[in-house]
């Protein structure tokens, strides 16, 4: 997930398609009109730094990547099959499209489950007085399940030493 989009990076796609990253990017740049901003975007230098730290890739001073990474949305990946026209590219593209479809199905199932749990919890609330102590136990189970269904927060604690204030 980058900028709230599910994306695949140019280097990963190049490996899947069996081409060098620079060849994939060259083909994309020759066909830029096929890749509007909602199909593909260039990472910022800050996003690139975060990726480098996350994946441990080398920096450009040591022979690593010299250009910013291209990120492709699902539609951009589909468009790649039109410019990379090899049998492998077609097969890889079919597999990628199926993976994106499966991700959408999983997300839809997740939302459906959350709605059903909400309905059950409302019914439980209606019967709280009758259930007594058992109702509290059931509510604790509901709360635990709902914590798993909530997306993780984007807040991250800073790592490192923090000197005491005023000292």
N, C-alpha and C. Protein backbone atom coordinates (compact mmCIF):
# COMPACT_ATOMS: atom_id res chain seq x y z
N UNK A 1 0.85 -1.18 0.00
CA UNK A 1 0.00 0.00 0.00
C UNK A 1 0.89 1.24 0.00
N UNK A 2 0.74 2.05 -0.99
CA UNK A 2 1.44 3.32 -1.07
C UNK A 2 0.42 4.37 -1.48
N UNK A 3 0.36 5.47 -0.72
CA UNK A 3 -0.61 6.54 -0.97
C UNK A 3 -2.04 5.99 -1.06
N UNK A 4 -2.35 5.07 -0.20
CA UNK A 4 -3.67 4.44 -0.12
C UNK A 4 -4.05 3.64 -1.36
N UNK A 5 -3.06 3.25 -2.14
CA UNK A 5 -3.30 2.41 -3.32
C UNK A 5 -2.57 1.09 -3.14
N UNK A 6 -3.21 0.02 -3.58
CA UNK A 6 -2.53 -1.27 -3.65
C UNK A 6 -1.72 -1.26 -4.93
N UNK A 7 -0.42 -1.38 -4.82
CA UNK A 7 0.45 -1.25 -5.98
C UNK A 7 1.45 -2.39 -6.06
N UNK A 8 2.03 -2.52 -7.24
CA UNK A 8 3.18 -3.39 -7.45
C UNK A 8 4.28 -2.50 -8.00
N UNK A 9 5.51 -2.73 -7.55
CA UNK A 9 6.63 -1.89 -7.95
C UNK A 9 7.27 -2.41 -9.22
N UNK A 10 7.91 -1.48 -9.95
CA UNK A 10 8.50 -1.82 -11.24
C UNK A 10 9.51 -2.97 -11.15
N UNK A 11 10.35 -2.99 -10.12
CA UNK A 11 11.36 -4.04 -10.00
C UNK A 11 10.71 -5.41 -9.78
N UNK A 12 9.65 -5.45 -8.99
CA UNK A 12 8.95 -6.72 -8.75
C UNK A 12 8.27 -7.22 -10.02
N UNK A 13 7.66 -6.29 -10.75
CA UNK A 13 7.01 -6.67 -12.00
C UNK A 13 8.02 -7.14 -13.03
N UNK A 14 9.18 -6.49 -13.06
CA UNK A 14 10.23 -6.89 -14.01
C UNK A 14 10.67 -8.32 -13.74
N UNK A 15 10.81 -8.68 -12.46
CA UNK A 15 11.19 -10.06 -12.12
C UNK A 15 10.11 -11.02 -12.59
N UNK A 16 8.85 -10.69 -12.33
CA UNK A 16 7.75 -11.56 -12.75
C UNK A 16 7.72 -11.74 -14.27
N UNK A 17 7.94 -10.64 -15.00
CA UNK A 17 7.87 -10.69 -16.45
C UNK A 17 9.17 -11.23 -17.08
N UNK A 18 10.22 -11.39 -16.27
CA UNK A 18 11.47 -11.92 -16.79
C UNK A 18 12.24 -10.92 -17.63
N UNK A 19 12.14 -9.64 -17.29
CA UNK A 19 12.89 -8.59 -18.00
C UNK A 19 13.65 -7.77 -16.96
N UNK A 20 14.61 -6.98 -17.43
CA UNK A 20 15.30 -6.07 -16.52
C UNK A 20 14.38 -4.90 -16.18
N UNK A 21 14.57 -4.34 -14.99
CA UNK A 21 13.75 -3.21 -14.57
C UNK A 21 13.87 -2.06 -15.55
N UNK A 22 15.09 -1.79 -16.01
CA UNK A 22 15.28 -0.67 -16.93
C UNK A 22 14.56 -0.92 -18.26
N UNK A 23 14.47 -2.17 -18.70
CA UNK A 23 13.74 -2.47 -19.94
C UNK A 23 12.25 -2.25 -19.75
N UNK A 24 11.71 -2.67 -18.60
CA UNK A 24 10.29 -2.44 -18.30
C UNK A 24 10.00 -0.95 -18.25
N UNK A 25 10.84 -0.19 -17.55
CA UNK A 25 10.62 1.25 -17.42
C UNK A 25 10.76 1.95 -18.78
N UNK A 26 11.69 1.49 -19.61
CA UNK A 26 11.86 2.07 -20.94
C UNK A 26 10.59 1.84 -21.77
N UNK A 27 10.04 0.64 -21.70
CA UNK A 27 8.80 0.35 -22.45
C UNK A 27 7.65 1.22 -21.94
N UNK A 28 7.58 1.42 -20.63
CA UNK A 28 6.53 2.27 -20.06
C UNK A 28 6.70 3.71 -20.54
N UNK A 29 7.93 4.22 -20.52
CA UNK A 29 8.17 5.61 -20.92
C UNK A 29 7.87 5.83 -22.40
N UNK A 30 8.05 4.79 -23.21
CA UNK A 30 7.70 4.90 -24.63
C UNK A 30 6.18 4.93 -24.83
N UNK A 31 5.44 4.50 -23.84
CA UNK A 31 3.97 4.41 -23.93
C UNK A 31 3.30 5.16 -22.79
N UNK A 32 3.82 6.31 -22.41
CA UNK A 32 3.30 7.05 -21.26
C UNK A 32 1.82 7.39 -21.37
N UNK A 33 1.31 7.57 -22.58
CA UNK A 33 -0.10 7.93 -22.74
C UNK A 33 -1.02 6.81 -22.25
N UNK A 34 -0.53 5.59 -22.12
CA UNK A 34 -1.33 4.46 -21.63
C UNK A 34 -1.37 4.39 -20.10
N UNK A 35 -0.59 5.24 -19.42
CA UNK A 35 -0.46 5.16 -17.97
C UNK A 35 -0.79 6.49 -17.29
N UNK A 36 -2.09 6.81 -17.16
CA UNK A 36 -2.45 8.03 -16.42
C UNK A 36 -2.09 7.88 -14.93
N UNK A 37 -2.24 8.94 -14.19
CA UNK A 37 -1.82 8.96 -12.78
C UNK A 37 -2.51 7.91 -11.91
N UNK A 38 -3.72 7.49 -12.28
CA UNK A 38 -4.39 6.47 -11.48
C UNK A 38 -3.97 5.06 -11.88
N UNK A 39 -3.12 4.92 -12.90
CA UNK A 39 -2.58 3.62 -13.31
C UNK A 39 -1.16 3.43 -12.81
N UNK A 40 -0.41 4.54 -12.72
CA UNK A 40 1.01 4.45 -12.36
C UNK A 40 1.46 5.80 -11.82
N UNK A 41 2.36 5.76 -10.85
CA UNK A 41 2.94 7.01 -10.37
C UNK A 41 4.38 6.77 -9.95
N UNK A 42 5.14 7.86 -9.93
CA UNK A 42 6.54 7.83 -9.55
C UNK A 42 6.63 8.11 -8.05
N UNK A 43 7.37 7.28 -7.34
CA UNK A 43 7.53 7.51 -5.91
C UNK A 43 8.34 8.77 -5.67
N UNK A 44 8.10 9.43 -4.56
CA UNK A 44 8.91 10.58 -4.19
C UNK A 44 10.23 10.09 -3.62
N UNK A 45 11.18 10.97 -3.48
CA UNK A 45 12.48 10.56 -2.92
C UNK A 45 12.32 10.09 -1.48
N UNK A 46 11.38 10.67 -0.72
CA UNK A 46 11.15 10.22 0.66
C UNK A 46 10.55 8.82 0.67
N UNK A 47 9.57 8.57 -0.20
CA UNK A 47 8.99 7.23 -0.29
C UNK A 47 10.06 6.21 -0.70
N UNK A 48 10.96 6.64 -1.59
CA UNK A 48 12.05 5.77 -2.04
C UNK A 48 12.98 5.44 -0.87
N UNK A 49 13.27 6.43 -0.05
CA UNK A 49 14.13 6.19 1.13
C UNK A 49 13.48 5.20 2.08
N UNK A 50 12.18 5.37 2.32
CA UNK A 50 11.47 4.46 3.21
C UNK A 50 11.53 3.04 2.65
N UNK A 51 11.32 2.90 1.35
CA UNK A 51 11.40 1.57 0.72
C UNK A 51 12.80 0.98 0.88
N UNK A 52 13.81 1.80 0.66
CA UNK A 52 15.19 1.32 0.75
C UNK A 52 15.47 0.83 2.17
N UNK A 53 14.99 1.57 3.17
CA UNK A 53 15.19 1.13 4.56
C UNK A 53 14.40 -0.13 4.86
N UNK A 54 13.20 -0.22 4.29
CA UNK A 54 12.32 -1.34 4.57
C UNK A 54 12.85 -2.64 3.95
N UNK A 55 13.40 -2.53 2.74
CA UNK A 55 13.82 -3.73 2.02
C UNK A 55 15.32 -3.92 2.00
N UNK A 56 16.08 -2.96 2.50
CA UNK A 56 17.52 -3.13 2.58
C UNK A 56 18.22 -3.09 1.23
N UNK A 57 17.69 -2.33 0.27
CA UNK A 57 18.36 -2.23 -1.02
C UNK A 57 19.50 -1.24 -0.94
N UNK A 58 20.44 -1.37 -1.83
CA UNK A 58 21.60 -0.48 -1.79
C UNK A 58 21.24 0.88 -2.36
N UNK A 59 22.03 1.87 -2.00
CA UNK A 59 21.75 3.21 -2.52
C UNK A 59 22.56 3.46 -3.80
N UNK A 60 22.25 4.56 -4.48
CA UNK A 60 22.84 4.82 -5.79
C UNK A 60 24.35 5.06 -5.72
N UNK A 61 24.87 5.50 -4.58
CA UNK A 61 26.31 5.72 -4.46
C UNK A 61 27.08 4.40 -4.47
N UNK A 62 26.41 3.31 -4.22
CA UNK A 62 27.07 2.01 -4.16
C UNK A 62 26.63 1.09 -5.30
N UNK A 63 26.19 1.65 -6.39
CA UNK A 63 25.82 0.85 -7.54
C UNK A 63 24.38 0.38 -7.55
N UNK A 64 23.55 0.88 -6.64
CA UNK A 64 22.15 0.49 -6.58
C UNK A 64 21.31 1.28 -7.57
N UNK A 65 20.07 1.37 -7.29
CA UNK A 65 19.11 2.04 -8.16
C UNK A 65 19.40 3.53 -8.26
N UNK A 66 19.36 4.07 -9.47
CA UNK A 66 19.66 5.49 -9.67
C UNK A 66 18.42 6.33 -9.94
N UNK A 67 17.30 5.68 -10.25
CA UNK A 67 16.08 6.41 -10.59
C UNK A 67 14.97 6.05 -9.60
N UNK A 68 14.01 6.95 -9.48
CA UNK A 68 12.89 6.69 -8.58
C UNK A 68 12.04 5.53 -9.11
N UNK A 69 11.43 4.83 -8.19
CA UNK A 69 10.63 3.65 -8.51
C UNK A 69 9.27 4.03 -9.07
N UNK A 70 8.80 3.24 -10.04
CA UNK A 70 7.44 3.39 -10.55
C UNK A 70 6.55 2.42 -9.80
N UNK A 71 5.38 2.90 -9.39
CA UNK A 71 4.39 2.06 -8.70
C UNK A 71 3.18 1.94 -9.61
N UNK A 72 2.72 0.70 -9.83
CA UNK A 72 1.62 0.43 -10.74
C UNK A 72 0.40 -0.05 -9.96
N UNK A 73 -0.75 0.58 -10.22
CA UNK A 73 -2.00 0.10 -9.63
C UNK A 73 -2.47 -1.10 -10.45
N UNK A 74 -3.57 -1.67 -10.04
CA UNK A 74 -4.11 -2.83 -10.76
C UNK A 74 -4.33 -2.52 -12.24
N UNK A 75 -4.86 -1.35 -12.54
CA UNK A 75 -5.10 -0.98 -13.93
C UNK A 75 -3.78 -0.81 -14.69
N UNK A 76 -2.77 -0.28 -14.02
CA UNK A 76 -1.46 -0.12 -14.64
C UNK A 76 -0.82 -1.46 -14.96
N UNK A 77 -0.98 -2.41 -14.06
CA UNK A 77 -0.45 -3.76 -14.30
C UNK A 77 -1.14 -4.37 -15.51
N UNK A 78 -2.45 -4.17 -15.60
CA UNK A 78 -3.18 -4.69 -16.76
C UNK A 78 -2.69 -4.03 -18.04
N UNK A 79 -2.40 -2.76 -17.99
CA UNK A 79 -1.92 -2.05 -19.18
C UNK A 79 -0.54 -2.54 -19.62
N UNK A 80 0.26 -2.99 -18.66
CA UNK A 80 1.59 -3.51 -19.00
C UNK A 80 1.53 -4.66 -19.98
N UNK A 81 0.49 -5.48 -19.89
CA UNK A 81 0.41 -6.64 -20.79
C UNK A 81 0.31 -6.20 -22.24
N UNK A 82 -0.19 -4.99 -22.47
CA UNK A 82 -0.28 -4.48 -23.83
C UNK A 82 1.04 -4.02 -24.39
N UNK A 83 1.96 -3.63 -23.54
CA UNK A 83 3.25 -3.14 -24.05
C UNK A 83 4.35 -4.19 -23.91
N UNK A 84 4.17 -5.17 -23.03
CA UNK A 84 5.11 -6.28 -22.93
C UNK A 84 4.41 -7.49 -23.52
N UNK A 85 4.60 -7.71 -24.79
CA UNK A 85 3.78 -8.67 -25.51
C UNK A 85 4.51 -9.99 -25.75
N UNK A 86 4.92 -10.64 -24.70
CA UNK A 86 5.52 -11.97 -24.82
C UNK A 86 4.57 -12.98 -24.20
N UNK A 87 4.73 -14.26 -24.55
CA UNK A 87 3.86 -15.27 -23.92
C UNK A 87 3.95 -15.26 -22.39
N UNK A 88 5.16 -15.05 -21.86
CA UNK A 88 5.32 -15.00 -20.41
C UNK A 88 4.57 -13.80 -19.83
N UNK A 89 4.64 -12.66 -20.52
CA UNK A 89 3.95 -11.45 -20.04
C UNK A 89 2.45 -11.69 -19.95
N UNK A 90 1.89 -12.37 -20.93
CA UNK A 90 0.46 -12.65 -20.92
C UNK A 90 0.11 -13.56 -19.74
N UNK A 91 0.88 -14.62 -19.53
CA UNK A 91 0.60 -15.55 -18.44
C UNK A 91 0.76 -14.88 -17.07
N UNK A 92 1.81 -14.07 -16.92
CA UNK A 92 2.03 -13.37 -15.66
C UNK A 92 0.89 -12.40 -15.40
N UNK A 93 0.46 -11.70 -16.45
CA UNK A 93 -0.61 -10.73 -16.28
C UNK A 93 -1.90 -11.40 -15.85
N UNK A 94 -2.20 -12.56 -16.40
CA UNK A 94 -3.41 -13.30 -15.99
C UNK A 94 -3.31 -13.67 -14.51
N UNK A 95 -2.15 -14.13 -14.08
CA UNK A 95 -1.97 -14.51 -12.67
C UNK A 95 -2.11 -13.29 -11.75
N UNK A 96 -1.56 -12.16 -12.16
CA UNK A 96 -1.65 -10.94 -11.35
C UNK A 96 -3.09 -10.47 -11.25
N UNK A 97 -3.82 -10.49 -12.35
CA UNK A 97 -5.22 -10.07 -12.33
C UNK A 97 -6.03 -10.98 -11.40
N UNK A 98 -5.75 -12.27 -11.42
CA UNK A 98 -6.46 -13.18 -10.52
C UNK A 98 -6.12 -12.87 -9.06
N UNK A 99 -4.88 -12.51 -8.79
CA UNK A 99 -4.50 -12.16 -7.42
C UNK A 99 -5.23 -10.90 -6.95
N UNK A 100 -5.32 -9.89 -7.81
CA UNK A 100 -6.05 -8.68 -7.46
C UNK A 100 -7.53 -8.99 -7.22
N UNK A 101 -8.12 -9.85 -8.07
CA UNK A 101 -9.53 -10.23 -7.88
C UNK A 101 -9.72 -10.94 -6.54
N UNK A 102 -8.80 -11.81 -6.18
CA UNK A 102 -8.88 -12.54 -4.91
C UNK A 102 -8.77 -11.56 -3.73
N UNK A 103 -7.89 -10.57 -3.85
CA UNK A 103 -7.76 -9.56 -2.79
C UNK A 103 -9.07 -8.81 -2.60
N UNK A 104 -9.72 -8.44 -3.72
CA UNK A 104 -11.00 -7.74 -3.63
C UNK A 104 -12.05 -8.62 -2.95
N UNK A 105 -12.05 -9.91 -3.28
CA UNK A 105 -13.01 -10.84 -2.68
C UNK A 105 -12.78 -10.97 -1.18
N UNK A 106 -11.52 -11.05 -0.77
CA UNK A 106 -11.20 -11.15 0.66
C UNK A 106 -11.68 -9.90 1.39
N UNK A 107 -11.46 -8.72 0.80
CA UNK A 107 -11.91 -7.47 1.43
C UNK A 107 -13.44 -7.42 1.53
N UNK A 108 -14.12 -7.88 0.49
CA UNK A 108 -15.59 -7.89 0.52
C UNK A 108 -16.09 -8.85 1.60
N UNK A 109 -15.47 -10.03 1.71
CA UNK A 109 -15.85 -10.98 2.75
C UNK A 109 -15.63 -10.39 4.13
N UNK A 110 -14.54 -9.67 4.30
CA UNK A 110 -14.20 -9.04 5.57
C UNK A 110 -15.29 -8.03 5.97
N UNK A 111 -15.72 -7.21 5.01
CA UNK A 111 -16.77 -6.21 5.29
C UNK A 111 -18.09 -6.91 5.65
N UNK A 112 -18.41 -7.98 4.93
CA UNK A 112 -19.64 -8.72 5.21
C UNK A 112 -19.62 -9.31 6.60
N UNK A 113 -18.49 -9.86 7.00
CA UNK A 113 -18.36 -10.43 8.34
C UNK A 113 -18.52 -9.35 9.40
N UNK A 114 -17.95 -8.19 9.17
CA UNK A 114 -18.07 -7.08 10.13
C UNK A 114 -19.53 -6.67 10.29
N UNK A 115 -20.28 -6.61 9.18
CA UNK A 115 -21.70 -6.25 9.26
C UNK A 115 -22.49 -7.29 10.05
N UNK A 116 -22.21 -8.56 9.81
CA UNK A 116 -22.93 -9.62 10.52
C UNK A 116 -22.61 -9.59 12.01
N UNK A 117 -21.36 -9.32 12.36
CA UNK A 117 -21.00 -9.22 13.78
C UNK A 117 -21.71 -8.04 14.45
N UNK A 118 -21.82 -6.92 13.73
CA UNK A 118 -22.53 -5.77 14.28
C UNK A 118 -23.99 -6.12 14.56
N UNK A 119 -24.62 -6.83 13.64
CA UNK A 119 -26.02 -7.23 13.83
C UNK A 119 -26.16 -8.16 15.04
N UNK A 120 -25.24 -9.12 15.16
CA UNK A 120 -25.28 -10.02 16.32
C UNK A 120 -25.07 -9.26 17.63
N UNK A 121 -24.18 -8.29 17.60
CA UNK A 121 -23.91 -7.52 18.82
C UNK A 121 -25.15 -6.70 19.22
N UNK A 122 -25.86 -6.16 18.23
CA UNK A 122 -27.09 -5.41 18.55
C UNK A 122 -28.12 -6.33 19.19
N UNK A 123 -28.24 -7.55 18.66
CA UNK A 123 -29.17 -8.51 19.26
C UNK A 123 -28.74 -8.89 20.67
N UNK A 124 -27.45 -9.00 20.88
CA UNK A 124 -26.92 -9.33 22.20
C UNK A 124 -27.27 -8.20 23.18
N UNK A 125 -27.15 -6.96 22.74
CA UNK A 125 -27.47 -5.82 23.59
C UNK A 125 -28.93 -5.87 24.03
N UNK A 126 -29.79 -6.29 23.12
CA UNK A 126 -31.22 -6.40 23.46
C UNK A 126 -31.46 -7.43 24.56
N UNK A 127 -30.59 -8.43 24.66
CA UNK A 127 -30.79 -9.52 25.62
C UNK A 127 -29.80 -9.49 26.79
N UNK A 128 -29.09 -8.37 26.98
CA UNK A 128 -28.09 -8.27 28.05
C UNK A 128 -28.67 -8.58 29.42
N UNK A 129 -29.84 -8.05 29.74
CA UNK A 129 -30.43 -8.24 31.07
C UNK A 129 -30.75 -9.71 31.32
N UNK A 130 -31.17 -10.41 30.29
CA UNK A 130 -31.53 -11.82 30.45
C UNK A 130 -30.29 -12.69 30.61
N UNK A 131 -29.22 -12.37 29.86
CA UNK A 131 -28.02 -13.21 29.86
C UNK A 131 -27.16 -13.05 31.11
N UNK A 132 -27.18 -11.88 31.70
CA UNK A 132 -26.41 -11.65 32.93
C UNK A 132 -24.91 -11.82 32.71
N UNK A 133 -24.29 -12.70 33.52
CA UNK A 133 -22.84 -12.92 33.49
C UNK A 133 -22.39 -13.49 32.15
N UNK A 134 -23.18 -14.37 31.56
CA UNK A 134 -22.84 -14.94 30.25
C UNK A 134 -22.78 -13.86 29.18
N UNK A 135 -23.64 -12.88 29.29
CA UNK A 135 -23.66 -11.76 28.34
C UNK A 135 -22.34 -11.00 28.35
N UNK A 136 -21.77 -10.83 29.56
CA UNK A 136 -20.48 -10.13 29.67
C UNK A 136 -19.38 -10.92 28.97
N UNK A 137 -19.41 -12.24 29.13
CA UNK A 137 -18.40 -13.08 28.50
C UNK A 137 -18.53 -13.06 26.98
N UNK A 138 -19.77 -13.10 26.51
CA UNK A 138 -20.01 -13.05 25.07
C UNK A 138 -19.56 -11.70 24.51
N UNK A 139 -19.86 -10.63 25.25
CA UNK A 139 -19.44 -9.29 24.80
C UNK A 139 -17.92 -9.19 24.73
N UNK A 140 -17.21 -9.80 25.66
CA UNK A 140 -15.74 -9.80 25.62
C UNK A 140 -15.23 -10.49 24.36
N UNK A 141 -15.88 -11.58 23.97
CA UNK A 141 -15.51 -12.28 22.73
C UNK A 141 -15.75 -11.37 21.53
N UNK A 142 -16.91 -10.70 21.49
CA UNK A 142 -17.21 -9.78 20.40
C UNK A 142 -16.16 -8.68 20.31
N UNK A 143 -15.79 -8.12 21.44
CA UNK A 143 -14.78 -7.05 21.45
C UNK A 143 -13.45 -7.53 20.89
N UNK A 144 -13.06 -8.75 21.27
CA UNK A 144 -11.80 -9.30 20.77
C UNK A 144 -11.86 -9.50 19.26
N UNK A 145 -12.97 -10.02 18.76
CA UNK A 145 -13.11 -10.24 17.32
C UNK A 145 -13.08 -8.90 16.58
N UNK A 146 -13.74 -7.89 17.10
CA UNK A 146 -13.78 -6.60 16.43
C UNK A 146 -12.39 -5.94 16.38
N UNK A 147 -11.56 -6.20 17.37
CA UNK A 147 -10.20 -5.66 17.32
C UNK A 147 -9.43 -6.25 16.15
N UNK A 148 -9.68 -7.52 15.84
CA UNK A 148 -9.02 -8.14 14.70
C UNK A 148 -9.53 -7.58 13.38
N UNK A 149 -10.78 -7.16 13.34
CA UNK A 149 -11.36 -6.65 12.10
C UNK A 149 -10.99 -5.21 11.82
N UNK A 150 -10.57 -4.46 12.83
CA UNK A 150 -10.21 -3.06 12.63
C UNK A 150 -8.85 -2.98 11.94
N UNK A 151 -8.71 -2.06 10.96
CA UNK A 151 -7.41 -1.92 10.30
C UNK A 151 -6.39 -1.38 11.29
N UNK A 152 -5.12 -1.76 11.13
CA UNK A 152 -4.10 -1.26 12.05
C UNK A 152 -3.94 0.24 11.89
N UNK A 153 -3.65 0.92 12.98
CA UNK A 153 -3.49 2.36 12.92
C UNK A 153 -2.16 2.69 12.25
N UNK A 154 -2.12 3.87 11.60
CA UNK A 154 -0.90 4.29 10.92
C UNK A 154 0.10 4.93 11.88
N UNK A 155 -0.35 5.15 13.12
CA UNK A 155 0.54 5.78 14.09
C UNK A 155 1.64 4.81 14.48
N UNK A 156 2.86 5.29 14.41
CA UNK A 156 3.99 4.47 14.81
C UNK A 156 4.79 5.25 15.85
N UNK A 157 5.27 4.54 16.82
CA UNK A 157 6.09 5.20 17.82
C UNK A 157 7.51 5.34 17.27
N UNK A 158 8.11 6.49 17.57
CA UNK A 158 9.48 6.72 17.15
C UNK A 158 10.41 5.77 17.88
N UNK A 159 11.43 5.33 17.17
CA UNK A 159 12.41 4.43 17.76
C UNK A 159 13.62 5.24 18.17
N UNK A 160 14.20 4.92 19.29
CA UNK A 160 15.42 5.59 19.70
C UNK A 160 15.31 6.18 21.09
N UNK A 161 16.42 6.72 21.54
CA UNK A 161 16.50 7.31 22.86
C UNK A 161 15.88 8.69 22.85
N UNK A 162 15.09 8.98 23.89
CA UNK A 162 14.49 10.30 24.05
C UNK A 162 14.95 10.85 25.39
N UNK A 163 15.76 11.90 25.37
CA UNK A 163 16.21 12.46 26.64
C UNK A 163 15.05 13.08 27.40
N UNK A 164 15.10 13.04 28.72
CA UNK A 164 14.01 13.65 29.50
C UNK A 164 13.95 15.15 29.27
N UNK A 165 12.73 15.68 29.28
CA UNK A 165 12.55 17.13 29.05
C UNK A 165 13.02 17.89 30.28
N UNK A 166 13.70 19.01 30.01
CA UNK A 166 14.12 19.89 31.09
C UNK A 166 15.35 19.40 31.82
N UNK A 167 16.01 18.35 31.32
CA UNK A 167 17.14 17.78 32.03
C UNK A 167 18.38 17.94 31.35
